PDB file of N, CA and C in Angstrom:
ATOM      1  N   UNK A   1       0.844  -1.176   0.000  1.00  0.00           N
ATOM      2  CA  UNK A   1       0.000   0.000   0.000  1.00  0.00           C
ATOM      3  C   UNK A   1       0.891   1.242   0.000  1.00  0.00           C
ATOM      4  N   UNK A   2       0.483   2.226  -0.792  1.00  0.00           N
ATOM      5  CA  UNK A   2       1.176   3.513  -0.784  1.00  0.00           C
ATOM      6  C   UNK A   2       0.207   4.585  -0.287  1.00  0.00           C
ATOM      7  N   UNK A   3       0.707   5.805  -0.145  1.00  0.00           N
ATOM      8  CA  UNK A   3      -0.117   6.884   0.409  1.00  0.00           C
ATOM      9  C   UNK A   3      -1.326   7.207  -0.470  1.00  0.00           C
ATOM     10  N   UNK A   4      -1.180   7.114  -1.779  1.00  0.00           N
ATOM     11  CA  UNK A   4      -2.288   7.411  -2.689  1.00  0.00           C
ATOM     12  C   UNK A   4      -3.423   6.399  -2.512  1.00  0.00           C
ATOM     13  N   UNK A   5      -3.074   5.128  -2.397  1.00  0.00           N
ATOM     14  CA  UNK A   5      -4.089   4.090  -2.201  1.00  0.00           C
ATOM     15  C   UNK A   5      -4.758   4.253  -0.837  1.00  0.00           C
ATOM     16  N   UNK A   6      -3.986   4.577   0.179  1.00  0.00           N
ATOM     17  CA  UNK A   6      -4.550   4.797   1.510  1.00  0.00           C
ATOM     18  C   UNK A   6      -5.547   5.954   1.473  1.00  0.00           C
ATOM     19  N   UNK A   7      -5.190   7.044   0.824  1.00  0.00           N
ATOM     20  CA  UNK A   7      -6.083   8.203   0.727  1.00  0.00           C
ATOM     21  C   UNK A   7      -7.361   7.837  -0.030  1.00  0.00           C
ATOM     22  N   UNK A   8      -7.239   7.037  -1.084  1.00  0.00           N
ATOM     23  CA  UNK A   8      -8.410   6.608  -1.863  1.00  0.00           C
ATOM     24  C   UNK A   8      -9.339   5.759  -1.002  1.00  0.00           C
ATOM     25  N   UNK A   9      -8.772   4.840  -0.236  1.00  0.00           N
ATOM     26  CA  UNK A   9      -9.584   3.973   0.612  1.00  0.00           C
ATOM     27  C   UNK A   9     -10.250   4.763   1.737  1.00  0.00           C
ATOM     28  N   UNK A  10      -9.561   5.746   2.277  1.00  0.00           N
ATOM     29  CA  UNK A  10     -10.140   6.600   3.309  1.00  0.00           C
ATOM     30  C   UNK A  10     -11.339   7.356   2.743  1.00  0.00           C
ATOM     31  N   UNK A  11     -11.201   7.874   1.540  1.00  0.00           N
ATOM     32  CA  UNK A  11     -12.302   8.605   0.911  1.00  0.00           C
ATOM     33  C   UNK A  11     -13.487   7.685   0.624  1.00  0.00           C
ATOM     34  N   UNK A  12     -13.227   6.446   0.209  1.00  0.00           N
ATOM     35  CA  UNK A  12     -14.310   5.489  -0.035  1.00  0.00           C
ATOM     36  C   UNK A  12     -15.056   5.170   1.254  1.00  0.00           C
ATOM     37  N   UNK A  13     -14.320   5.046   2.341  1.00  0.00           N
ATOM     38  CA  UNK A  13     -14.938   4.784   3.634  1.00  0.00           C
ATOM     39  C   UNK A  13     -15.763   5.988   4.089  1.00  0.00           C
ATOM     40  N   UNK A  14     -15.220   7.167   3.916  1.00  0.00           N
ATOM     41  CA  UNK A  14     -15.905   8.405   4.298  1.00  0.00           C
ATOM     42  C   UNK A  14     -17.188   8.595   3.499  1.00  0.00           C
ATOM     43  N   UNK A  15     -17.150   8.333   2.216  1.00  0.00           N
ATOM     44  CA  UNK A  15     -18.309   8.566   1.349  1.00  0.00           C
ATOM     45  C   UNK A  15     -19.378   7.483   1.465  1.00  0.00           C
ATOM     46  N   UNK A  16     -19.036   6.365   2.090  1.00  0.00           N
ATOM     47  CA  UNK A  16     -19.998   5.284   2.236  1.00  0.00           C
ATOM     48  C   UNK A  16     -19.959   4.274   1.108  1.00  0.00           C
ATOM     49  N   UNK A  17     -19.012   4.431   0.195  1.00  0.00           N
ATOM     50  CA  UNK A  17     -18.858   3.464  -0.891  1.00  0.00           C
ATOM     51  C   UNK A  17     -18.568   2.079  -0.312  1.00  0.00           C
ATOM     52  N   UNK A  18     -17.767   2.058   0.754  1.00  0.00           N
ATOM     53  CA  UNK A  18     -17.513   0.823   1.491  1.00  0.00           C
ATOM     54  C   UNK A  18     -17.904   1.062   2.946  1.00  0.00           C
ATOM     55  N   UNK A  19     -18.373   0.032   3.624  1.00  0.00           N
ATOM     56  CA  UNK A  19     -18.823   0.200   5.014  1.00  0.00           C
ATOM     57  C   UNK A  19     -17.716  -0.073   6.023  1.00  0.00           C
ATOM     58  N   UNK A  20     -16.723  -0.865   5.622  1.00  0.00           N
ATOM     59  CA  UNK A  20     -15.590  -1.121   6.497  1.00  0.00           C
ATOM     60  C   UNK A  20     -14.351  -1.377   5.665  1.00  0.00           C
ATOM     61  N   UNK A  21     -13.208  -1.199   6.305  1.00  0.00           N
ATOM     62  CA  UNK A  21     -11.940  -1.350   5.607  1.00  0.00           C
ATOM     63  C   UNK A  21     -10.992  -2.154   6.468  1.00  0.00           C
ATOM     64  N   UNK A  22     -10.476  -3.247   5.926  1.00  0.00           N
ATOM     65  CA  UNK A  22      -9.497  -4.063   6.623  1.00  0.00           C
ATOM     66  C   UNK A  22      -8.104  -3.596   6.217  1.00  0.00           C
ATOM     67  N   UNK A  23      -7.323  -3.176   7.202  1.00  0.00           N
ATOM     68  CA  UNK A  23      -5.943  -2.750   6.964  1.00  0.00           C
ATOM     69  C   UNK A  23      -5.032  -3.824   7.541  1.00  0.00           C
ATOM     70  N   UNK A  24      -4.210  -4.410   6.687  1.00  0.00           N
ATOM     71  CA  UNK A  24      -3.316  -5.469   7.123  1.00  0.00           C
ATOM     72  C   UNK A  24      -2.167  -4.907   7.950  1.00  0.00           C
ATOM     73  N   UNK A  25      -1.624  -5.749   8.767  1.00  0.00           N
ATOM     74  CA  UNK A  25      -0.559  -5.372   9.696  1.00  0.00           C
ATOM     75  C   UNK A  25       0.599  -4.665   8.988  1.00  0.00           C
ATOM     76  N   UNK A  26       1.001  -5.170   7.856  1.00  0.00           N
ATOM     77  CA  UNK A  26       2.143  -4.596   7.136  1.00  0.00           C
ATOM     78  C   UNK A  26       1.824  -3.244   6.489  1.00  0.00           C
ATOM     79  N   UNK A  27       0.543  -2.965   6.259  1.00  0.00           N
ATOM     80  CA  UNK A  27       0.128  -1.699   5.653  1.00  0.00           C
ATOM     81  C   UNK A  27      -0.241  -0.631   6.680  1.00  0.00           C
ATOM     82  N   UNK A  28      -0.354  -1.027   7.935  1.00  0.00           N
ATOM     83  CA  UNK A  28      -0.833  -0.122   8.974  1.00  0.00           C
ATOM     84  C   UNK A  28      -0.015   1.165   9.117  1.00  0.00           C
ATOM     85  N   UNK A  29       1.319   1.127   9.165  1.00  0.00           N
ATOM     86  CA  UNK A  29       2.068   2.390   9.358  1.00  0.00           C
ATOM     87  C   UNK A  29       1.791   3.435   8.280  1.00  0.00           C
ATOM     88  N   UNK A  30       1.740   3.025   7.038  1.00  0.00           N
ATOM     89  CA  UNK A  30       1.475   3.965   5.942  1.00  0.00           C
ATOM     90  C   UNK A  30       0.036   4.481   6.031  1.00  0.00           C
ATOM     91  N   UNK A  31      -0.909   3.571   6.258  1.00  0.00           N
ATOM     92  CA  UNK A  31      -2.313   3.959   6.345  1.00  0.00           C
ATOM     93  C   UNK A  31      -2.534   4.944   7.486  1.00  0.00           C
ATOM     94  N   UNK A  32      -1.984   4.661   8.635  1.00  0.00           N
ATOM     95  CA  UNK A  32      -2.177   5.524   9.804  1.00  0.00           C
ATOM     96  C   UNK A  32      -1.574   6.904   9.577  1.00  0.00           C
ATOM     97  N   UNK A  33      -0.423   6.971   8.921  1.00  0.00           N
ATOM     98  CA  UNK A  33       0.209   8.261   8.648  1.00  0.00           C
ATOM     99  C   UNK A  33      -0.710   9.149   7.806  1.00  0.00           C
ATOM    100  N   UNK A  34      -1.417   8.554   6.865  1.00  0.00           N
ATOM    101  CA  UNK A  34      -2.366   9.311   6.034  1.00  0.00           C
ATOM    102  C   UNK A  34      -3.626   9.631   6.832  1.00  0.00           C
ATOM    103  N   UNK A  35      -4.105   8.675   7.606  1.00  0.00           N
ATOM    104  CA  UNK A  35      -5.347   8.846   8.361  1.00  0.00           C
ATOM    105  C   UNK A  35      -5.271   9.982   9.376  1.00  0.00           C
ATOM    106  N   UNK A  36      -4.178  10.094  10.111  1.00  0.00           N
ATOM    107  CA  UNK A  36      -4.097  11.119  11.165  1.00  0.00           C
ATOM    108  C   UNK A  36      -4.058  12.536  10.604  1.00  0.00           C
ATOM    109  N   UNK A  37      -3.795  12.684   9.327  1.00  0.00           N
ATOM    110  CA  UNK A  37      -3.778  14.003   8.687  1.00  0.00           C
ATOM    111  C   UNK A  37      -5.160  14.459   8.233  1.00  0.00           C
ATOM    112  N   UNK A  38      -6.152  13.576   8.339  1.00  0.00           N
ATOM    113  CA  UNK A  38      -7.505  13.893   7.878  1.00  0.00           C
ATOM    114  C   UNK A  38      -8.188  14.837   8.866  1.00  0.00           C
ATOM    115  N   UNK A  39      -8.926  15.832   8.366  1.00  0.00           N
ATOM    116  CA  UNK A  39      -9.609  16.768   9.268  1.00  0.00           C
ATOM    117  C   UNK A  39     -10.694  16.097  10.118  1.00  0.00           C
ATOM    118  N   UNK A  40     -11.265  15.004   9.624  1.00  0.00           N
ATOM    119  CA  UNK A  40     -12.299  14.283  10.368  1.00  0.00           C
ATOM    120  C   UNK A  40     -11.759  12.977  10.965  1.00  0.00           C
ATOM    121  N   UNK A  41     -10.503  13.000  11.346  1.00  0.00           N
ATOM    122  CA  UNK A  41      -9.809  11.831  11.890  1.00  0.00           C
ATOM    123  C   UNK A  41     -10.594  11.153  13.011  1.00  0.00           C
ATOM    124  N   UNK A  42     -11.236  11.911  13.860  1.00  0.00           N
ATOM    125  CA  UNK A  42     -11.940  11.338  15.013  1.00  0.00           C
ATOM    126  C   UNK A  42     -13.228  10.610  14.631  1.00  0.00           C
ATOM    127  N   UNK A  43     -13.616  10.653  13.386  1.00  0.00           N
ATOM    128  CA  UNK A  43     -14.806   9.922  12.940  1.00  0.00           C
ATOM    129  C   UNK A  43     -14.455   8.512  12.469  1.00  0.00           C
ATOM    130  N   UNK A  44     -13.175   8.192  12.392  1.00  0.00           N
ATOM    131  CA  UNK A  44     -12.737   6.863  11.987  1.00  0.00           C
ATOM    132  C   UNK A  44     -12.495   6.031  13.239  1.00  0.00           C
ATOM    133  N   UNK A  45     -13.065   4.845  13.247  1.00  0.00           N
ATOM    134  CA  UNK A  45     -12.907   3.951  14.395  1.00  0.00           C
ATOM    135  C   UNK A  45     -12.205   2.690  13.931  1.00  0.00           C
ATOM    136  N   UNK A  46     -11.072   2.396  14.546  1.00  0.00           N
ATOM    137  CA  UNK A  46     -10.317   1.194  14.223  1.00  0.00           C
ATOM    138  C   UNK A  46     -10.469   0.156  15.311  1.00  0.00           C
ATOM    139  N   UNK A  47     -10.748  -1.064  14.910  1.00  0.00           N
ATOM    140  CA  UNK A  47     -10.891  -2.168  15.854  1.00  0.00           C
ATOM    141  C   UNK A  47      -9.810  -3.195  15.535  1.00  0.00           C
ATOM    142  N   UNK A  48      -8.926  -3.408  16.503  1.00  0.00           N
ATOM    143  CA  UNK A  48      -7.820  -4.340  16.314  1.00  0.00           C
ATOM    144  C   UNK A  48      -8.342  -5.769  16.182  1.00  0.00           C
ATOM    145  N   UNK A  49      -7.728  -6.496  15.283  1.00  0.00           N
ATOM    146  CA  UNK A  49      -8.089  -7.887  15.048  1.00  0.00           C
ATOM    147  C   UNK A  49      -6.915  -8.790  15.428  1.00  0.00           C
ATOM    148  N   UNK A  50      -7.176 -10.033  15.534  1.00  0.00           N
ATOM    149  CA  UNK A  50      -6.124 -10.996  15.799  1.00  0.00           C
ATOM    150  C   UNK A  50      -5.124 -10.996  14.645  1.00  0.00           C
ATOM    151  N   UNK A  51      -3.856 -11.024  14.963  1.00  0.00           N
ATOM    152  CA  UNK A  51      -2.819 -11.052  13.933  1.00  0.00           C
ATOM    153  C   UNK A  51      -2.289  -9.671  13.569  1.00  0.00           C
ATOM    154  N   UNK A  52      -2.792  -8.638  14.221  1.00  0.00           N
ATOM    155  CA  UNK A  52      -2.280  -7.297  13.973  1.00  0.00           C
ATOM    156  C   UNK A  52      -3.023  -6.495  12.929  1.00  0.00           C
ATOM    157  N   UNK A  53      -4.087  -7.033  12.370  1.00  0.00           N
ATOM    158  CA  UNK A  53      -4.883  -6.303  11.384  1.00  0.00           C
ATOM    159  C   UNK A  53      -5.863  -5.382  12.101  1.00  0.00           C
ATOM    160  N   UNK A  54      -6.355  -4.365  11.383  1.00  0.00           N
ATOM    161  CA  UNK A  54      -7.306  -3.420  11.966  1.00  0.00           C
ATOM    162  C   UNK A  54      -8.468  -3.225  10.992  1.00  0.00           C
ATOM    163  N   UNK A  55      -9.697  -3.248  11.524  1.00  0.00           N
ATOM    164  CA  UNK A  55     -10.887  -2.983  10.720  1.00  0.00           C
ATOM    165  C   UNK A  55     -11.364  -1.578  11.072  1.00  0.00           C
ATOM    166  N   UNK A  56     -11.501  -0.729  10.058  1.00  0.00           N
ATOM    167  CA  UNK A  56     -11.937   0.649  10.249  1.00  0.00           C
ATOM    168  C   UNK A  56     -13.367   0.837   9.781  1.00  0.00           C
ATOM    169  N   UNK A  57     -14.098   1.678  10.536  1.00  0.00           N
ATOM    170  CA  UNK A  57     -15.448   2.107  10.178  1.00  0.00           C
ATOM    171  C   UNK A  57     -15.472   3.629  10.261  1.00  0.00           C
ATOM    172  N   UNK A  58     -16.393   4.231   9.536  1.00  0.00           N
ATOM    173  CA  UNK A  58     -16.591   5.682   9.602  1.00  0.00           C
ATOM    174  C   UNK A  58     -17.851   5.934  10.407  1.00  0.00           C
ATOM    175  N   UNK A  59     -17.764   6.778  11.423  1.00  0.00           N
ATOM    176  CA  UNK A  59     -18.897   7.044  12.315  1.00  0.00           C
ATOM    177  C   UNK A  59     -19.491   8.423  12.005  1.00  0.00           C
ATOM    178  N   UNK A  60     -20.794   8.549  12.197  1.00  0.00           N
ATOM    179  CA  UNK A  60     -21.472   9.824  11.977  1.00  0.00           C
ATOM    180  C   UNK A  60     -21.071  10.867  13.018  1.00  0.00           C
ATOM    181  N   UNK A  61     -20.859  10.417  14.248  1.00  0.00           N
ATOM    182  CA  UNK A  61     -20.440  11.345  15.305  1.00  0.00           C
ATOM    183  C   UNK A  61     -18.991  11.039  15.676  1.00  0.00           C
ATOM    184  N   UNK A  62     -18.189  12.078  15.884  1.00  0.00           N
ATOM    185  CA  UNK A  62     -16.783  11.842  16.215  1.00  0.00           C
ATOM    186  C   UNK A  62     -16.629  11.255  17.600  1.00  0.00           C
ATOM    187  N   UNK A  63     -15.592  10.455  17.765  1.00  0.00           N
ATOM    188  CA  UNK A  63     -15.297   9.913  19.091  1.00  0.00           C
ATOM    189  C   UNK A  63     -14.682  11.015  19.928  1.00  0.00           C
ATOM    190  N   UNK A  64     -14.720  10.845  21.213  1.00  0.00           N
ATOM    191  CA  UNK A  64     -14.217  11.892  22.107  1.00  0.00           C
ATOM    192  C   UNK A  64     -12.724  11.786  22.328  1.00  0.00           C
TER     193      UNK A  64
END
């Protein structure tokens, strides 16, 4: 995964094109670097999975 693909997937999640996004352990550092730069960063919820993967969802209300 590169930064362009991460940004595209973030936009798809934000727009509702996809309801969840699985980020593999090896792609996490690049994905997170792009994600934290988003103005609505607090609306993304990541749930850690077994094996180091993370499933992200976009929430209507930001987390605190």
